[in-house]
Amino acid sequence: VEKTISIIDSLPYDSTSSLTRDVWEGKPSEVDYQNGT
């Protein structure tokens, strides 16, 4: 978990993920395969 947080802290400040963009744009997303799982 600590290693993952370090990776998140290194990502570009303004970046997001494909799932995030899909939800914002009203498109079908992979949420069932991520948090849903």
All heavy atoms as atom14 arrays in JSON, in Angstrom:
{
  "sequence": "VEKTISIIDSLPYDSTSSLTRDVWEGKPSEVDYQNGT",
  "atom14_mask": [
    [1, 1, 1, 1, 1, 1, 1, 0, 0, 0, 0, 0, 0, 0],
    [1, 1, 1, 1, 1, 1, 1, 1, 1, 0, 0, 0, 0, 0],
    [1, 1, 1, 1, 1, 1, 1, 1, 1, 0, 0, 0, 0, 0],
    [1, 1, 1, 1, 1, 1, 1, 0, 0, 0, 0, 0, 0, 0],
    [1, 1, 1, 1, 1, 1, 1, 1, 0, 0, 0, 0, 0, 0],
    [1, 1, 1, 1, 1, 1, 0, 0, 0, 0, 0, 0, 0, 0],
    [1, 1, 1, 1, 1, 1, 1, 1, 0, 0, 0, 0, 0, 0],
    [1, 1, 1, 1, 1, 1, 1, 1, 0, 0, 0, 0, 0, 0],
    [1, 1, 1, 1, 1, 1, 1, 1, 0, 0, 0, 0, 0, 0],
    [1, 1, 1, 1, 1, 1, 0, 0, 0, 0, 0, 0, 0, 0],
    [1, 1, 1, 1, 1, 1, 1, 1, 0, 0, 0, 0, 0, 0],
    [1, 1, 1, 1, 1, 1, 1, 0, 0, 0, 0, 0, 0, 0],
    [1, 1, 1, 1, 1, 1, 1, 1, 1, 1, 1, 1, 0, 0],
    [1, 1, 1, 1, 1, 1, 1, 1, 0, 0, 0, 0, 0, 0],
    [1, 1, 1, 1, 1, 1, 0, 0, 0, 0, 0, 0, 0, 0],
    [1, 1, 1, 1, 1, 1, 1, 0, 0, 0, 0, 0, 0, 0],
    [1, 1, 1, 1, 1, 1, 0, 0, 0, 0, 0, 0, 0, 0],
    [1, 1, 1, 1, 1, 1, 0, 0, 0, 0, 0, 0, 0, 0],
    [1, 1, 1, 1, 1, 1, 1, 1, 0, 0, 0, 0, 0, 0],
    [1, 1, 1, 1, 1, 1, 1, 0, 0, 0, 0, 0, 0, 0],
    [1, 1, 1, 1, 1, 1, 1, 1, 1, 1, 1, 0, 0, 0],
    [1, 1, 1, 1, 1, 1, 1, 1, 0, 0, 0, 0, 0, 0],
    [1, 1, 1, 1, 1, 1, 1, 0, 0, 0, 0, 0, 0, 0],
    [1, 1, 1, 1, 1, 1, 1, 1, 1, 1, 1, 1, 1, 1],
    [1, 1, 1, 1, 1, 1, 1, 1, 1, 0, 0, 0, 0, 0],
    [1, 1, 1, 1, 0, 0, 0, 0, 0, 0, 0, 0, 0, 0],
    [1, 1, 1, 1, 1, 1, 1, 1, 1, 0, 0, 0, 0, 0],
    [1, 1, 1, 1, 1, 1, 1, 0, 0, 0, 0, 0, 0, 0],
    [1, 1, 1, 1, 1, 1, 0, 0, 0, 0, 0, 0, 0, 0],
    [1, 1, 1, 1, 1, 1, 1, 1, 1, 0, 0, 0, 0, 0],
    [1, 1, 1, 1, 1, 1, 1, 0, 0, 0, 0, 0, 0, 0],
    [1, 1, 1, 1, 1, 1, 1, 1, 0, 0, 0, 0, 0, 0],
    [1, 1, 1, 1, 1, 1, 1, 1, 1, 1, 1, 1, 0, 0],
    [1, 1, 1, 1, 1, 1, 1, 1, 1, 0, 0, 0, 0, 0],
    [1, 1, 1, 1, 1, 1, 1, 1, 0, 0, 0, 0, 0, 0],
    [1, 1, 1, 1, 0, 0, 0, 0, 0, 0, 0, 0, 0, 0],
    [1, 1, 1, 1, 1, 1, 1, 0, 0, 0, 0, 0, 0, 0]
  ],
  "atom14_positions": [
    [[0.84, -1.2, 0.0], [0.0, 0.0, 0.0], [0.87, 1.25, 0.0], [0.63, 2.2, -0.76], [-0.96, 0.0, 1.21], [-1.63, 1.37, 1.36], [-2.02, -1.08, 1.05], [0.0, 0.0, 0.0], [0.0, 0.0, 0.0], [0.0, 0.0, 0.0], [0.0, 0.0, 0.0], [0.0, 0.0, 0.0], [0.0, 0.0, 0.0], [0.0, 0.0, 0.0]],
    [[1.9, 1.25, 0.82], [2.81, 2.39, 0.86], [3.52, 2.58, -0.48], [3.69, 3.72, -0.95], [3.85, 2.21, 1.97], [3.31, 2.36, 3.39], [2.49, 1.14, 3.85], [2.59, 0.07, 3.2], [1.77, 1.26, 4.86], [0.0, 0.0, 0.0], [0.0, 0.0, 0.0], [0.0, 0.0, 0.0], [0.0, 0.0, 0.0], [0.0, 0.0, 0.0]],
    [[3.93, 1.48, -1.11], [4.58, 1.58, -2.42], [3.61, 2.16, -3.46], [4.02, 2.96, -4.32], [5.04, 0.19, -2.87], [6.2, -0.37, -2.07], [6.6, -1.74, -2.58], [7.79, -2.29, -1.81], [8.16, -3.67, -2.28], [0.0, 0.0, 0.0], [0.0, 0.0, 0.0], [0.0, 0.0, 0.0], [0.0, 0.0, 0.0], [0.0, 0.0, 0.0]],
    [[2.35, 1.76, -3.38], [1.35, 2.26, -4.33], [1.12, 3.75, -4.15], [1.0, 4.5, -5.12], [0.02, 1.5, -4.15], [0.26, 0.09, -4.34], [-1.02, 1.97, -5.15], [0.0, 0.0, 0.0], [0.0, 0.0, 0.0], [0.0, 0.0, 0.0], [0.0, 0.0, 0.0], [0.0, 0.0, 0.0], [0.0, 0.0, 0.0], [0.0, 0.0, 0.0]],
    [[1.07, 4.19, -2.91], [0.89, 5.62, -2.63], [2.05, 6.41, -3.21], [1.87, 7.5, -3.77], [0.76, 5.86, -1.12], [-0.53, 5.22, -0.59], [0.76, 7.35, -0.8], [-0.6, 5.12, 0.91], [0.0, 0.0, 0.0], [0.0, 0.0, 0.0], [0.0, 0.0, 0.0], [0.0, 0.0, 0.0], [0.0, 0.0, 0.0], [0.0, 0.0, 0.0]],
    [[3.26, 5.87, -3.12], [4.43, 6.54, -3.69], [4.29, 6.68, -5.2], [4.68, 7.71, -5.78], [5.71, 5.77, -3.36], [5.95, 5.76, -1.97], [0.0, 0.0, 0.0], [0.0, 0.0, 0.0], [0.0, 0.0, 0.0], [0.0, 0.0, 0.0], [0.0, 0.0, 0.0], [0.0, 0.0, 0.0], [0.0, 0.0, 0.0], [0.0, 0.0, 0.0]],
    [[3.74, 5.66, -5.84], [3.53, 5.73, -7.29], [2.5, 6.8, -7.62], [2.69, 7.62, -8.53], [3.08, 4.36, -7.84], [4.2, 3.34, -7.68], [2.66, 4.48, -9.3], [3.79, 1.92, -8.03], [0.0, 0.0, 0.0], [0.0, 0.0, 0.0], [0.0, 0.0, 0.0], [0.0, 0.0, 0.0], [0.0, 0.0, 0.0], [0.0, 0.0, 0.0]],
    [[1.39, 6.82, -6.87], [0.36, 7.83, -7.1], [0.94, 9.23, -6.92], [0.65, 10.16, -7.69], [-0.82, 7.63, -6.13], [-1.52, 6.29, -6.39], [-1.82, 8.79, -6.24], [-2.21, 6.17, -7.72], [0.0, 0.0, 0.0], [0.0, 0.0, 0.0], [0.0, 0.0, 0.0], [0.0, 0.0, 0.0], [0.0, 0.0, 0.0], [0.0, 0.0, 0.0]],
    [[1.8, 9.39, -5.93], [2.42, 10.69, -5.68], [3.36, 11.13, -6.81], [3.67, 12.31, -6.93], [3.2, 10.67, -4.37], [2.28, 10.7, -3.15], [1.11, 11.11, -3.3], [2.73, 10.29, -2.06], [0.0, 0.0, 0.0], [0.0, 0.0, 0.0], [0.0, 0.0, 0.0], [0.0, 0.0, 0.0], [0.0, 0.0, 0.0], [0.0, 0.0, 0.0]],
    [[3.78, 10.19, -7.64], [4.72, 10.51, -8.73], [4.01, 10.76, -10.06], [4.65, 11.21, -11.02], [5.72, 9.37, -8.9], [5.1, 8.22, -9.47], [0.0, 0.0, 0.0], [0.0, 0.0, 0.0], [0.0, 0.0, 0.0], [0.0, 0.0, 0.0], [0.0, 0.0, 0.0], [0.0, 0.0, 0.0], [0.0, 0.0, 0.0], [0.0, 0.0, 0.0]],
    [[2.71, 10.48, -10.14], [1.98, 10.64, -11.4], [1.78, 12.13, -11.72], [1.71, 12.96, -10.81], [0.64, 9.93, -11.32], [0.69, 8.4, -11.19], [-0.72, 7.83, -11.02], [1.37, 7.78, -12.4], [0.0, 0.0, 0.0], [0.0, 0.0, 0.0], [0.0, 0.0, 0.0], [0.0, 0.0, 0.0], [0.0, 0.0, 0.0], [0.0, 0.0, 0.0]],
    [[1.68, 12.48, -12.99], [1.45, 13.88, -13.36], [0.24, 14.45, -12.63], [-0.81, 13.8, -12.54], [1.21, 13.8, -14.87], [1.95, 12.58, -15.31], [1.8, 11.6, -14.18], [0.0, 0.0, 0.0], [0.0, 0.0, 0.0], [0.0, 0.0, 0.0], [0.0, 0.0, 0.0], [0.0, 0.0, 0.0], [0.0, 0.0, 0.0], [0.0, 0.0, 0.0]],
    [[0.39, 15.66, -12.11], [-0.63, 16.28, -11.26], [-2.0, 16.31, -11.93], [-3.03, 16.0, -11.31], [-0.21, 17.71, -10.9], [-1.13, 18.39, -9.91], [-0.9, 18.31, -8.54], [-2.25, 19.11, -10.35], [-1.74, 18.93, -7.63], [-3.1, 19.74, -9.44], [-2.84, 19.64, -8.09], [-3.68, 20.26, -7.2], [0.0, 0.0, 0.0], [0.0, 0.0, 0.0]],
    [[-2.04, 16.65, -13.2], [-3.32, 16.84, -13.9], [-3.83, 15.59, -14.59], [-4.82, 15.64, -15.32], [-3.2, 17.96, -14.94], [-3.02, 19.33, -14.28], [-3.6, 19.55, -13.2], [-2.31, 20.17, -14.85], [0.0, 0.0, 0.0], [0.0, 0.0, 0.0], [0.0, 0.0, 0.0], [0.0, 0.0, 0.0], [0.0, 0.0, 0.0], [0.0, 0.0, 0.0]],
    [[-3.18, 14.44, -14.39], [-3.58, 13.23, -15.09], [-4.74, 12.54, -14.38], [-4.98, 12.73, -13.18], [-2.4, 12.26, -15.23], [-1.92, 11.85, -13.96], [0.0, 0.0, 0.0], [0.0, 0.0, 0.0], [0.0, 0.0, 0.0], [0.0, 0.0, 0.0], [0.0, 0.0, 0.0], [0.0, 0.0, 0.0], [0.0, 0.0, 0.0], [0.0, 0.0, 0.0]],
    [[-5.46, 11.73, -15.14], [-6.56, 10.92, -14.63], [-6.43, 9.52, -15.25], [-5.38, 9.19, -15.8], [-7.92, 11.54, -15.01], [-7.98, 11.7, -16.44], [-8.13, 12.88, -14.34], [0.0, 0.0, 0.0], [0.0, 0.0, 0.0], [0.0, 0.0, 0.0], [0.0, 0.0, 0.0], [0.0, 0.0, 0.0], [0.0, 0.0, 0.0], [0.0, 0.0, 0.0]],
    [[-7.46, 8.72, -15.16], [-7.43, 7.39, -15.76], [-8.54, 7.27, -16.79], [-9.45, 8.1, -16.86], [-7.63, 6.32, -14.69], [-8.99, 6.29, -14.29], [0.0, 0.0, 0.0], [0.0, 0.0, 0.0], [0.0, 0.0, 0.0], [0.0, 0.0, 0.0], [0.0, 0.0, 0.0], [0.0, 0.0, 0.0], [0.0, 0.0, 0.0], [0.0, 0.0, 0.0]],
    [[-8.5, 6.21, -17.58], [-9.52, 6.0, -18.61], [-10.89, 5.8, -17.97], [-11.9, 6.31, -18.48], [-9.15, 4.82, -19.5], [-9.01, 3.62, -18.74], [0.0, 0.0, 0.0], [0.0, 0.0, 0.0], [0.0, 0.0, 0.0], [0.0, 0.0, 0.0], [0.0, 0.0, 0.0], [0.0, 0.0, 0.0], [0.0, 0.0, 0.0], [0.0, 0.0, 0.0]],
    [[-10.96, 5.05, -16.87], [-12.24, 4.86, -16.2], [-12.8, 6.2, -15.72], [-13.99, 6.5, -15.91], [-12.11, 3.91, -15.01], [-13.41, 3.63, -14.23], [-13.44, 2.21, -13.69], [-13.62, 4.61, -13.06], [0.0, 0.0, 0.0], [0.0, 0.0, 0.0], [0.0, 0.0, 0.0], [0.0, 0.0, 0.0], [0.0, 0.0, 0.0], [0.0, 0.0, 0.0]],
    [[-11.96, 7.02, -15.13], [-12.39, 8.33, -14.64], [-12.97, 9.15, -15.78], [-14.06, 9.72, -15.66], [-11.19, 9.07, -14.02], [-10.6, 8.26, -13.01], [-11.64, 10.39, -13.4], [0.0, 0.0, 0.0], [0.0, 0.0, 0.0], [0.0, 0.0, 0.0], [0.0, 0.0, 0.0], [0.0, 0.0, 0.0], [0.0, 0.0, 0.0], [0.0, 0.0, 0.0]],
    [[-12.26, 9.21, -16.9], [-12.72, 10.0, -18.04], [-14.01, 9.43, -18.62], [-14.9, 10.19, -19.03], [-11.62, 10.08, -19.1], [-10.37, 10.82, -18.63], [-9.4, 11.06, -19.77], [-8.83, 9.82, -20.3], [-7.75, 9.23, -19.82], [-7.1, 9.75, -18.77], [-7.28, 8.12, -20.36], [0.0, 0.0, 0.0], [0.0, 0.0, 0.0], [0.0, 0.0, 0.0]],
    [[-14.12, 8.09, -18.65], [-15.35, 7.49, -19.18], [-16.57, 7.88, -18.33], [-17.63, 8.21, -18.87], [-15.21, 5.96, -19.21], [-14.32, 5.48, -20.35], [-14.1, 6.25, -21.3], [-13.84, 4.34, -20.27], [0.0, 0.0, 0.0], [0.0, 0.0, 0.0], [0.0, 0.0, 0.0], [0.0, 0.0, 0.0], [0.0, 0.0, 0.0], [0.0, 0.0, 0.0]],
    [[-16.41, 7.83, -17.01], [-17.53, 8.2, -16.13], [-17.9, 9.66, -16.34], [-19.08, 10.01, -16.48], [-17.17, 7.93, -14.65], [-18.26, 8.49, -13.73], [-17.0, 6.43, -14.41], [0.0, 0.0, 0.0], [0.0, 0.0, 0.0], [0.0, 0.0, 0.0], [0.0, 0.0, 0.0], [0.0, 0.0, 0.0], [0.0, 0.0, 0.0], [0.0, 0.0, 0.0]],
    [[-16.91, 10.53, -16.35], [-17.17, 11.96, -16.53], [-17.86, 12.26, -17.86], [-18.69, 13.16, -17.96], [-15.87, 12.75, -16.46], [-15.26, 12.82, -15.1], [-15.83, 12.42, -13.91], [-13.96, 13.3, -14.76], [-14.95, 12.62, -12.87], [-13.81, 13.17, -13.35], [-12.91, 13.83, -15.51], [-12.65, 13.56, -12.69], [-11.75, 14.22, -14.85], [-11.62, 14.08, -13.45]],
    [[-17.52, 11.49, -18.89], [-18.06, 11.74, -20.23], [-19.35, 10.98, -20.5], [-19.89, 11.03, -21.61], [-17.0, 11.37, -21.28], [-15.77, 12.26, -21.23], [-14.61, 11.72, -22.05], [-14.85, 10.77, -22.84], [-13.49, 12.23, -21.92], [0.0, 0.0, 0.0], [0.0, 0.0, 0.0], [0.0, 0.0, 0.0], [0.0, 0.0, 0.0], [0.0, 0.0, 0.0]],
    [[-19.86, 10.28, -19.48], [-21.12, 9.56, -19.64], [-21.02, 8.31, -20.5], [-22.01, 7.85, -21.07], [0.0, 0.0, 0.0], [0.0, 0.0, 0.0], [0.0, 0.0, 0.0], [0.0, 0.0, 0.0], [0.0, 0.0, 0.0], [0.0, 0.0, 0.0], [0.0, 0.0, 0.0], [0.0, 0.0, 0.0], [0.0, 0.0, 0.0], [0.0, 0.0, 0.0]],
    [[-19.82, 7.71, -20.56], [-19.6, 6.5, -21.34], [-19.62, 5.27, -20.42], [-19.34, 5.38, -19.23], [-18.24, 6.55, -22.05], [-18.09, 7.69, -23.05], [-16.68, 7.69, -23.61], [-16.46, 8.83, -24.59], [-15.05, 8.84, -25.1], [0.0, 0.0, 0.0], [0.0, 0.0, 0.0], [0.0, 0.0, 0.0], [0.0, 0.0, 0.0], [0.0, 0.0, 0.0]],
    [[-19.91, 4.09, -20.96], [-19.77, 2.87, -20.16], [-18.32, 2.74, -19.67], [-17.39, 3.06, -20.4], [-20.11, 1.75, -21.16], [-20.99, 2.41, -22.17], [-20.45, 3.81, -22.31], [0.0, 0.0, 0.0], [0.0, 0.0, 0.0], [0.0, 0.0, 0.0], [0.0, 0.0, 0.0], [0.0, 0.0, 0.0], [0.0, 0.0, 0.0], [0.0, 0.0, 0.0]],
    [[-18.17, 2.28, -18.45], [-16.83, 2.2, -17.86], [-16.53, 0.79, -17.36], [-17.37, -0.11, -17.46], [-16.72, 3.19, -16.68], [-17.41, 2.68, -15.56], [0.0, 0.0, 0.0], [0.0, 0.0, 0.0], [0.0, 0.0, 0.0], [0.0, 0.0, 0.0], [0.0, 0.0, 0.0], [0.0, 0.0, 0.0], [0.0, 0.0, 0.0], [0.0, 0.0, 0.0]],
    [[-15.35, 0.62, -16.8], [-14.94, -0.66, -16.25], [-15.2, -0.77, -14.75], [-14.59, -1.6, -14.09], [-13.44, -0.88, -16.52], [-13.1, -1.01, -17.99], [-11.62, -1.25, -18.23], [-10.79, -0.81, -17.4], [-11.28, -1.88, -19.25], [0.0, 0.0, 0.0], [0.0, 0.0, 0.0], [0.0, 0.0, 0.0], [0.0, 0.0, 0.0], [0.0, 0.0, 0.0]],
    [[-16.1, 0.02, -14.22], [-16.3, 0.05, -12.77], [-16.69, -1.32, -12.21], [-16.31, -1.68, -11.1], [-17.31, 1.14, -12.37], [-18.73, 0.78, -12.82], [-17.25, 1.4, -10.86], [0.0, 0.0, 0.0], [0.0, 0.0, 0.0], [0.0, 0.0, 0.0], [0.0, 0.0, 0.0], [0.0, 0.0, 0.0], [0.0, 0.0, 0.0], [0.0, 0.0, 0.0]],
    [[-17.44, -2.12, -12.97], [-17.8, -3.46, -12.49], [-16.56, -4.34, -12.34], [-16.55, -5.26, -11.53], [-18.78, -4.13, -13.47], [-20.2, -3.64, -13.28], [-20.56, -3.31, -12.13], [-20.95, -3.57, -14.26], [0.0, 0.0, 0.0], [0.0, 0.0, 0.0], [0.0, 0.0, 0.0], [0.0, 0.0, 0.0], [0.0, 0.0, 0.0], [0.0, 0.0, 0.0]],
    [[-15.54, -4.06, -13.15], [-14.31, -4.86, -13.13], [-13.26, -4.29, -12.19], [-12.19, -4.87, -12.04], [-13.76, -4.99, -14.55], [-14.6, -5.92, -15.39], [-15.75, -5.45, -16.02], [-14.29, -7.26, -15.52], [-16.55, -6.3, -16.78], [-15.07, -8.12, -16.27], [-16.21, -7.63, -16.89], [-16.99, -8.48, -17.63], [0.0, 0.0, 0.0], [0.0, 0.0, 0.0]],
    [[-13.56, -3.15, -11.59], [-12.64, -2.57, -10.62], [-13.32, -2.54, -9.25], [-13.36, -3.56, -8.57], [-12.19, -1.19, -11.12], [-11.36, -1.3, -12.41], [-10.75, -0.02, -12.89], [-10.44, 0.88, -12.1], [-10.55, 0.12, -14.19], [0.0, 0.0, 0.0], [0.0, 0.0, 0.0], [0.0, 0.0, 0.0], [0.0, 0.0, 0.0], [0.0, 0.0, 0.0]],
    [[-13.88, -1.44, -8.84], [-14.49, -1.38, -7.5], [-15.62, -2.37, -7.35], [-15.83, -2.93, -6.25], [-14.98, 0.04, -7.22], [-13.91, 1.08, -7.43], [-13.84, 1.67, -8.5], [-13.05, 1.29, -6.44], [0.0, 0.0, 0.0], [0.0, 0.0, 0.0], [0.0, 0.0, 0.0], [0.0, 0.0, 0.0], [0.0, 0.0, 0.0], [0.0, 0.0, 0.0]],
    [[-16.37, -2.64, -8.43], [-17.44, -3.62, -8.37], [-16.93, -5.01, -8.04], [-17.55, -5.77, -7.28], [0.0, 0.0, 0.0], [0.0, 0.0, 0.0], [0.0, 0.0, 0.0], [0.0, 0.0, 0.0], [0.0, 0.0, 0.0], [0.0, 0.0, 0.0], [0.0, 0.0, 0.0], [0.0, 0.0, 0.0], [0.0, 0.0, 0.0], [0.0, 0.0, 0.0]],
    [[-15.78, -5.36, -8.6], [-15.17, -6.66, -8.3], [-14.73, -6.74, -6.85], [-14.88, -7.77, -6.18], [-13.97, -6.91, -9.23], [-14.43, -6.99, -10.58], [-13.25, -8.21, -8.88], [0.0, 0.0, 0.0], [0.0, 0.0, 0.0], [0.0, 0.0, 0.0], [0.0, 0.0, 0.0], [0.0, 0.0, 0.0], [0.0, 0.0, 0.0], [0.0, 0.0, 0.0]]
  ]
}
